[in-house]
Protein backbone atom coordinates (compact mmCIF):
# COMPACT_ATOMS: atom_id res chain seq x y z
CA UNK A 1 0.00 0.00 0.00
CA UNK A 2 1.09 3.50 -0.73
CA UNK A 3 1.28 6.12 1.97
CA UNK A 4 -1.09 8.93 0.91
CA UNK A 5 -0.95 12.38 2.42
CA UNK A 6 -4.07 14.41 3.19
CA UNK A 7 -2.39 17.76 2.36
CA UNK A 8 -3.32 17.86 -1.35
CA UNK A 9 -6.97 17.35 -0.45
CA UNK A 10 -6.84 20.01 2.26
CA UNK A 11 -5.29 22.50 -0.14
CA UNK A 12 -7.90 21.79 -2.82
CA UNK A 13 -10.75 22.33 -0.33
CA UNK A 14 -9.09 25.54 0.92
CA UNK A 15 -8.70 27.03 -2.56
CA UNK A 16 -12.24 26.06 -3.59
CA UNK A 17 -13.65 27.70 -0.46
CA UNK A 18 -11.67 30.91 -1.04
CA UNK A 19 -12.78 31.00 -4.69
CA UNK A 20 -16.45 30.61 -3.78
CA UNK A 21 -16.26 33.30 -1.07
CA UNK A 22 -14.55 35.67 -3.51
CA UNK A 23 -17.05 35.16 -6.32
CA UNK A 24 -20.14 35.46 -4.10
CA UNK A 25 -19.66 38.27 -1.56
CA UNK A 26 -21.84 38.29 1.51
CA UNK A 27 -25.03 40.34 1.68
CA UNK A 28 -23.61 42.15 4.72
CA UNK A 29 -20.61 43.32 2.66
CA UNK A 30 -22.87 44.43 -0.19
CA UNK A 31 -24.97 46.44 2.28
CA UNK A 32 -21.89 48.18 3.67
CA UNK A 33 -20.59 48.96 0.17
CA UNK A 34 -23.97 50.38 -0.83
CA UNK A 35 -23.97 52.76 2.14
CA UNK A 36 -20.31 53.77 2.02
CA UNK A 37 -21.06 56.52 -0.52
CA UNK A 38 -22.49 58.64 2.31
CA UNK A 39 -19.26 58.28 4.30
CA UNK A 40 -17.22 59.25 1.23
CA UNK A 41 -19.42 62.31 0.71
CA UNK A 42 -18.91 63.35 4.34
CA UNK A 43 -15.15 63.00 3.93
CA UNK A 44 -15.21 65.18 0.79
CA UNK A 45 -17.19 67.82 2.68
CA UNK A 46 -14.59 67.63 5.48
CA UNK A 47 -17.08 66.68 8.19
CA UNK A 48 -15.72 66.21 11.69
CA UNK A 49 -14.38 62.82 12.69
CA UNK A 50 -17.10 62.19 15.26
CA UNK A 51 -19.87 62.52 12.64
CA UNK A 52 -18.08 60.14 10.27
CA UNK A 53 -17.50 57.68 13.11
CA UNK A 54 -21.18 57.77 14.12
CA UNK A 55 -22.40 57.28 10.55
CA UNK A 56 -20.00 54.33 10.15
CA UNK A 57 -21.37 52.81 13.34
CA UNK A 58 -24.94 53.30 12.07
CA UNK A 59 -24.05 51.53 8.82
CA UNK A 60 -22.44 48.62 10.65
CA UNK A 61 -25.29 48.05 13.07
CA UNK A 62 -27.98 48.72 10.45
CA UNK A 63 -26.48 46.24 7.98
CA UNK A 64 -26.05 43.66 10.74
CA UNK A 65 -29.77 43.72 11.57
CA UNK A 66 -31.09 44.18 8.02
CA UNK A 67 -29.04 43.61 4.87
CA UNK A 68 -31.41 45.93 2.96
CA UNK A 69 -30.55 48.84 5.26
CA UNK A 70 -30.10 52.25 3.64
CA UNK A 71 -28.57 55.05 5.70
CA UNK A 72 -30.31 58.41 5.62
CA UNK A 73 -28.36 61.59 6.22
């Protein structure tokens, strides 16, 4: 009998998992990307750091509870 190693199988599973996660991003990530335009607009308008921090927190918690969340200014 030949002595087979499990490492090739582990590597194949690892690369397949990474490929699938890269091709199909999570809904949470899509929600954050959709709402990040507001943060970018605040940064262009040179808003204070506290406002940007609070809006980022709102996006994070809003997208965690509902992936269809849309931040209002």
